[in-house]
N, C-alpha and C. Protein backbone atom coordinates (compact mmCIF):
# COMPACT_ATOMS: atom_id res chain seq x y z
N MET A 1 -58.99 -182.38 144.92
CA MET A 1 -60.44 -183.40 144.23
C MET A 1 -61.56 -182.13 144.62
N PRO A 2 -62.91 -182.45 143.51
CA PRO A 2 -63.34 -181.56 143.33
C PRO A 2 -64.65 -181.44 144.56
N GLN A 3 -65.05 -180.70 145.13
CA GLN A 3 -65.97 -180.42 145.86
C GLN A 3 -67.43 -180.14 145.31
N LEU A 4 -68.36 -180.35 146.07
CA LEU A 4 -70.01 -179.82 145.98
C LEU A 4 -70.61 -179.57 147.43
N THR A 5 -71.11 -178.17 147.50
CA THR A 5 -71.56 -177.95 148.73
C THR A 5 -73.02 -178.03 148.41
N LEU A 6 -73.46 -179.40 149.15
CA LEU A 6 -74.75 -179.16 149.43
C LEU A 6 -75.26 -178.64 150.80
N SER A 7 -77.03 -178.64 150.46
CA SER A 7 -77.74 -178.16 151.98
C SER A 7 -77.19 -178.56 153.21
N ALA A 8 -76.83 -179.64 153.37
CA ALA A 8 -76.35 -180.76 155.01
C ALA A 8 -74.86 -180.48 154.96
N ALA A 9 -73.82 -181.04 154.01
CA ALA A 9 -72.72 -181.20 153.71
C ALA A 9 -72.11 -180.88 153.01
N THR A 10 -70.47 -180.47 152.82
CA THR A 10 -69.73 -180.23 150.76
C THR A 10 -69.22 -182.21 151.41
N VAL A 11 -69.04 -182.35 149.77
CA VAL A 11 -69.19 -183.62 149.19
C VAL A 11 -67.82 -183.70 148.43
N GLU A 12 -66.90 -184.28 148.84
CA GLU A 12 -65.57 -184.46 147.98
C GLU A 12 -66.13 -185.50 147.07
N TYR A 13 -65.38 -185.50 145.83
CA TYR A 13 -65.85 -186.87 144.97
C TYR A 13 -64.70 -186.51 144.27
N ARG A 14 -64.36 -188.10 143.33
CA ARG A 14 -63.64 -187.81 142.37
C ARG A 14 -64.39 -188.34 140.98
N GLU A 15 -63.94 -188.42 139.91
CA GLU A 15 -64.64 -188.26 138.83
C GLU A 15 -63.10 -188.94 137.65
N SER A 16 -63.68 -189.90 136.82
CA SER A 16 -62.94 -190.21 135.83
C SER A 16 -63.73 -190.70 134.41
N GLY A 17 -63.01 -190.74 133.61
CA GLY A 17 -63.78 -191.38 132.23
C GLY A 17 -64.22 -189.82 131.69
N PRO A 18 -64.97 -189.69 130.21
CA PRO A 18 -65.29 -188.57 129.39
C PRO A 18 -66.33 -188.51 130.19
N LYS A 19 -66.89 -187.03 129.86
CA LYS A 19 -67.97 -186.12 130.79
C LYS A 19 -69.12 -186.62 129.43
N ASP A 20 -69.01 -187.01 128.14
CA ASP A 20 -70.01 -186.78 127.10
C ASP A 20 -69.83 -188.38 126.74
N SER A 21 -69.80 -189.31 127.81
CA SER A 21 -69.57 -190.64 127.37
C SER A 21 -70.99 -190.84 126.78
N ALA A 22 -70.90 -191.96 125.77
CA ALA A 22 -72.11 -192.73 125.05
C ALA A 22 -72.72 -193.61 126.05
N PHE A 23 -72.25 -193.81 127.20
CA PHE A 23 -73.05 -194.38 128.88
C PHE A 23 -73.64 -193.82 129.57
N PRO A 24 -74.43 -194.56 130.28
CA PRO A 24 -74.89 -193.46 131.23
C PRO A 24 -74.04 -193.24 132.64
N PRO A 25 -73.48 -192.39 133.35
CA PRO A 25 -72.76 -192.27 134.53
C PRO A 25 -73.03 -193.45 135.15
N VAL A 26 -71.32 -193.89 135.83
CA VAL A 26 -71.79 -194.82 137.12
C VAL A 26 -71.05 -193.76 138.49
N LEU A 27 -72.71 -194.04 139.59
CA LEU A 27 -72.37 -193.71 141.03
C LEU A 27 -72.06 -194.21 141.74
N PHE A 28 -70.89 -194.48 142.14
CA PHE A 28 -70.25 -195.86 143.11
C PHE A 28 -70.42 -195.41 144.78
N VAL A 29 -71.22 -195.88 145.17
CA VAL A 29 -71.42 -195.88 146.71
C VAL A 29 -70.84 -196.86 147.39
N HIS A 30 -69.90 -196.25 148.29
CA HIS A 30 -69.43 -196.77 149.47
C HIS A 30 -70.18 -197.34 150.87
N GLY A 31 -69.52 -198.24 151.66
CA GLY A 31 -70.39 -198.31 152.17
C GLY A 31 -69.59 -197.50 154.15
N ALA A 32 -69.88 -198.11 155.42
CA ALA A 32 -69.91 -197.67 156.23
C ALA A 32 -68.00 -197.65 156.85
N LEU A 33 -67.74 -196.66 157.23
CA LEU A 33 -66.22 -196.57 157.54
C LEU A 33 -65.21 -196.88 156.54
N VAL A 34 -65.59 -196.58 154.91
CA VAL A 34 -64.55 -196.13 153.96
C VAL A 34 -65.11 -195.26 153.22
N ASP A 35 -64.22 -195.04 152.34
CA ASP A 35 -64.28 -193.75 151.58
C ASP A 35 -64.56 -194.02 150.09
N SER A 36 -64.31 -193.32 149.10
CA SER A 36 -64.73 -193.49 147.30
C SER A 36 -63.18 -194.33 147.25
N ARG A 37 -62.25 -194.66 147.72
CA ARG A 37 -61.10 -194.94 146.94
C ARG A 37 -61.44 -196.57 146.75
N LEU A 38 -62.63 -197.12 148.43
CA LEU A 38 -62.78 -198.43 147.72
C LEU A 38 -63.31 -198.80 146.36
N TRP A 39 -63.36 -198.02 145.54
CA TRP A 39 -63.70 -198.31 143.82
C TRP A 39 -63.04 -198.16 143.20
N ASP A 40 -61.48 -197.34 143.70
CA ASP A 40 -60.97 -196.85 142.44
C ASP A 40 -60.34 -197.81 141.22
N ALA A 41 -59.76 -198.96 141.70
CA ALA A 41 -59.90 -200.08 140.30
C ALA A 41 -61.12 -200.06 139.70
N VAL A 42 -62.29 -200.34 139.89
CA VAL A 42 -63.12 -200.58 139.37
C VAL A 42 -63.48 -199.13 138.62
N ALA A 43 -63.61 -198.27 139.30
CA ALA A 43 -63.62 -196.93 138.54
C ALA A 43 -62.64 -196.89 137.23
N ALA A 44 -61.55 -197.10 137.80
CA ALA A 44 -60.48 -196.79 136.52
C ALA A 44 -60.67 -198.09 135.29
N SER A 45 -60.89 -198.93 135.69
CA SER A 45 -61.27 -200.13 134.85
C SER A 45 -62.26 -199.51 133.78
N LEU A 46 -63.55 -199.07 133.95
CA LEU A 46 -64.92 -198.72 133.63
C LEU A 46 -64.26 -197.28 132.80
N ALA A 47 -63.99 -196.25 133.12
CA ALA A 47 -63.32 -194.76 133.13
C ALA A 47 -62.79 -195.82 131.59
N ALA A 48 -61.90 -196.15 131.76
CA ALA A 48 -60.88 -196.76 130.48
C ALA A 48 -61.71 -197.42 129.22
N GLN A 49 -63.02 -197.84 129.48
CA GLN A 49 -63.82 -198.26 128.98
C GLN A 49 -65.09 -197.34 127.83
N GLY A 50 -64.39 -196.17 128.65
CA GLY A 50 -65.00 -194.83 127.99
C GLY A 50 -66.52 -194.26 128.89
N TYR A 51 -66.69 -195.03 130.11
CA TYR A 51 -67.74 -194.37 131.35
C TYR A 51 -67.30 -193.47 132.10
N ARG A 52 -67.84 -192.42 132.36
CA ARG A 52 -67.90 -191.49 133.34
C ARG A 52 -68.50 -192.07 134.36
N CYS A 53 -67.43 -192.33 135.74
CA CYS A 53 -67.75 -192.69 136.95
C CYS A 53 -67.58 -191.69 137.96
N LEU A 54 -68.29 -191.40 139.11
CA LEU A 54 -68.35 -190.52 140.15
C LEU A 54 -68.36 -191.08 141.43
N GLN A 55 -67.54 -190.78 142.03
CA GLN A 55 -67.00 -191.65 143.41
C GLN A 55 -67.35 -190.80 144.42
N PRO A 56 -68.27 -190.20 144.93
CA PRO A 56 -68.29 -189.20 146.29
C PRO A 56 -68.27 -189.85 147.48
N ASN A 57 -67.26 -188.99 148.27
CA ASN A 57 -67.16 -189.27 149.83
C ASN A 57 -68.37 -189.24 150.91
N LEU A 58 -69.06 -189.70 151.08
CA LEU A 58 -69.95 -189.84 151.83
C LEU A 58 -69.99 -189.65 153.41
N PRO A 59 -70.92 -189.09 154.24
CA PRO A 59 -70.51 -189.20 155.52
C PRO A 59 -71.23 -190.82 155.95
N LEU A 60 -70.41 -191.43 155.82
CA LEU A 60 -70.43 -192.31 156.67
C LEU A 60 -69.64 -193.41 157.47
N GLY A 61 -68.64 -192.27 157.92
CA GLY A 61 -67.41 -192.60 158.83
C GLY A 61 -66.47 -192.09 158.76
N ALA A 62 -66.02 -192.41 157.43
CA ALA A 62 -64.71 -191.75 156.97
C ALA A 62 -63.95 -190.85 156.27
N HIS A 63 -65.44 -189.75 156.10
CA HIS A 63 -65.30 -188.57 155.40
C HIS A 63 -64.55 -187.46 156.61
N THR A 64 -64.21 -186.71 155.73
CA THR A 64 -63.16 -185.53 156.36
C THR A 64 -63.78 -184.32 156.68
N ILE A 65 -64.42 -184.15 155.83
CA ILE A 65 -65.10 -182.24 156.11
C ILE A 65 -66.78 -182.94 156.52
N PRO A 66 -66.77 -182.03 158.03
CA PRO A 66 -67.39 -182.03 158.95
C PRO A 66 -69.28 -181.88 158.28
N VAL A 67 -70.57 -182.68 158.14
CA VAL A 67 -71.55 -182.11 157.84
C VAL A 67 -71.58 -181.08 158.52
N THR A 68 -72.91 -180.34 157.82
CA THR A 68 -73.27 -178.99 158.86
C THR A 68 -74.54 -179.67 158.97
N ASP A 69 -75.29 -180.46 158.89
CA ASP A 69 -76.86 -180.67 159.65
C ASP A 69 -76.51 -182.28 159.84
N ARG A 70 -76.25 -182.88 161.23
CA ARG A 70 -76.19 -183.78 161.39
C ARG A 70 -77.61 -185.01 161.35
N GLY A 71 -78.30 -184.27 160.71
CA GLY A 71 -79.86 -184.84 160.50
C GLY A 71 -79.79 -185.75 159.28
N VAL A 72 -78.53 -185.54 158.35
CA VAL A 72 -78.14 -186.13 157.58
C VAL A 72 -77.79 -187.10 158.03
N LEU A 73 -77.16 -188.09 158.54
CA LEU A 73 -76.59 -188.92 159.22
C LEU A 73 -77.59 -190.26 159.38
N THR A 74 -78.33 -190.29 158.59
CA THR A 74 -78.55 -191.47 158.58
C THR A 74 -78.64 -192.12 157.03
N PRO A 75 -79.15 -193.65 156.53
CA PRO A 75 -79.30 -193.92 155.34
C PRO A 75 -80.34 -192.98 154.60
N ALA A 76 -81.56 -192.73 154.68
CA ALA A 76 -82.27 -191.98 154.06
C ALA A 76 -81.43 -190.48 153.99
N GLY A 77 -80.77 -189.94 155.05
CA GLY A 77 -80.29 -188.84 154.88
C GLY A 77 -79.27 -188.61 153.91
N VAL A 78 -78.20 -189.76 153.94
CA VAL A 78 -76.97 -189.72 152.80
C VAL A 78 -77.63 -190.00 151.33
N ALA A 79 -79.11 -190.75 151.41
CA ALA A 79 -79.56 -191.09 150.23
C ALA A 79 -80.08 -189.78 149.45
N GLY A 80 -80.75 -188.69 150.53
CA GLY A 80 -81.11 -187.37 150.28
C GLY A 80 -79.90 -186.55 149.65
N LEU A 81 -78.38 -186.84 150.34
CA LEU A 81 -77.23 -185.92 149.68
C LEU A 81 -77.46 -186.42 148.83
N LEU A 82 -76.99 -188.13 147.97
CA LEU A 82 -76.79 -188.03 146.60
C LEU A 82 -77.71 -187.64 145.90
N HIS A 83 -79.30 -187.60 145.97
CA HIS A 83 -79.91 -186.98 145.01
C HIS A 83 -79.71 -185.11 144.76
N GLU A 84 -79.37 -184.90 145.90
CA GLU A 84 -79.18 -183.53 145.64
C GLU A 84 -77.75 -183.58 144.89
N PHE A 85 -76.66 -184.09 145.11
CA PHE A 85 -75.88 -184.38 144.19
C PHE A 85 -75.95 -184.83 143.01
N LEU A 86 -76.88 -185.87 142.50
CA LEU A 86 -76.75 -186.04 141.39
C LEU A 86 -77.91 -184.60 140.46
N THR A 87 -78.29 -184.11 141.35
CA THR A 87 -78.98 -183.00 140.42
C THR A 87 -78.46 -181.80 140.24
N ARG A 88 -77.19 -181.78 141.46
CA ARG A 88 -76.37 -180.25 141.26
C ARG A 88 -75.51 -180.85 139.40
N LEU A 89 -75.10 -182.04 139.80
CA LEU A 89 -74.45 -182.13 138.33
C LEU A 89 -75.16 -182.23 137.42
N GLY A 90 -76.67 -182.14 137.32
CA GLY A 90 -77.29 -182.26 136.01
C GLY A 90 -77.27 -183.79 135.19
N LEU A 91 -77.38 -184.62 136.40
CA LEU A 91 -77.66 -186.08 136.18
C LEU A 91 -79.03 -186.94 136.34
N ASP A 92 -79.67 -187.31 135.59
CA ASP A 92 -81.04 -188.20 136.03
C ASP A 92 -81.02 -189.58 135.95
N ASP A 93 -79.79 -189.90 135.03
CA ASP A 93 -79.80 -191.25 134.37
C ASP A 93 -78.62 -191.98 134.78
N VAL A 94 -78.53 -192.19 136.05
CA VAL A 94 -77.08 -193.20 136.42
C VAL A 94 -77.25 -194.74 136.55
N THR A 95 -76.32 -195.32 136.73
CA THR A 95 -76.38 -196.63 137.13
C THR A 95 -75.69 -196.54 138.80
N LEU A 96 -76.51 -197.09 139.07
CA LEU A 96 -76.22 -197.19 140.78
C LEU A 96 -75.47 -198.40 141.06
N VAL A 97 -74.10 -198.24 142.05
CA VAL A 97 -73.00 -199.41 142.04
C VAL A 97 -72.84 -199.12 143.91
N GLY A 98 -73.32 -200.24 144.54
CA GLY A 98 -72.96 -199.91 146.21
C GLY A 98 -72.51 -201.15 146.54
N ASN A 99 -71.87 -200.86 147.95
CA ASN A 99 -71.76 -201.56 148.48
C ASN A 99 -72.01 -201.35 149.65
N ASP A 100 -72.18 -202.68 150.41
CA ASP A 100 -72.23 -203.18 152.36
C ASP A 100 -73.72 -201.86 152.61
N THR A 101 -73.13 -200.97 153.33
CA THR A 101 -74.05 -199.90 153.52
C THR A 101 -74.93 -198.76 152.35
N GLY A 102 -73.21 -198.94 151.50
CA GLY A 102 -73.68 -197.96 150.16
C GLY A 102 -74.91 -198.58 149.35
N GLY A 103 -74.73 -200.43 149.43
CA GLY A 103 -76.13 -200.89 148.56
C GLY A 103 -77.38 -200.45 149.66
N GLY A 104 -77.48 -200.33 150.61
CA GLY A 104 -79.05 -199.61 151.53
C GLY A 104 -78.97 -198.45 151.30
N VAL A 105 -78.08 -197.55 150.84
CA VAL A 105 -78.33 -195.97 150.94
C VAL A 105 -78.74 -196.22 149.15
N CYS A 106 -78.56 -197.11 148.42
CA CYS A 106 -79.03 -196.86 147.17
C CYS A 106 -80.13 -197.19 146.99
N GLN A 107 -80.74 -198.46 147.68
CA GLN A 107 -82.37 -198.56 148.01
C GLN A 107 -83.10 -196.98 148.30
N PHE A 108 -82.37 -196.81 149.44
CA PHE A 108 -83.15 -195.56 149.40
C PHE A 108 -82.75 -194.49 148.78
N LEU A 109 -82.04 -194.47 147.84
CA LEU A 109 -81.76 -193.21 146.90
C LEU A 109 -83.09 -193.92 145.29
N ILE A 110 -83.23 -194.88 145.45
CA ILE A 110 -84.51 -195.29 144.47
C ILE A 110 -85.47 -195.05 144.73
């Protein structure tokens, strides 16, 4: 699984679908105590339709790599990580899909 080392955490992520998709990439944001596998079926379906899908494992309780800065363990902090994640991947126009706590994190990101 690919990883990005960010300023406060290393984030593992799943990626599916074409990188050169004609559609904006879709960023799936899971909630507390689950990881990116929550979105596997939805991401697979969209990837099969030509969407680039990104599913980061965020530090919301089910992450396996400890954060380097515990100050990031807030909704706003996780949103900051997502912003850095998107910036590092060179993405500025994405569709956000959030569930539960992930929906709140999306609001902070916006």
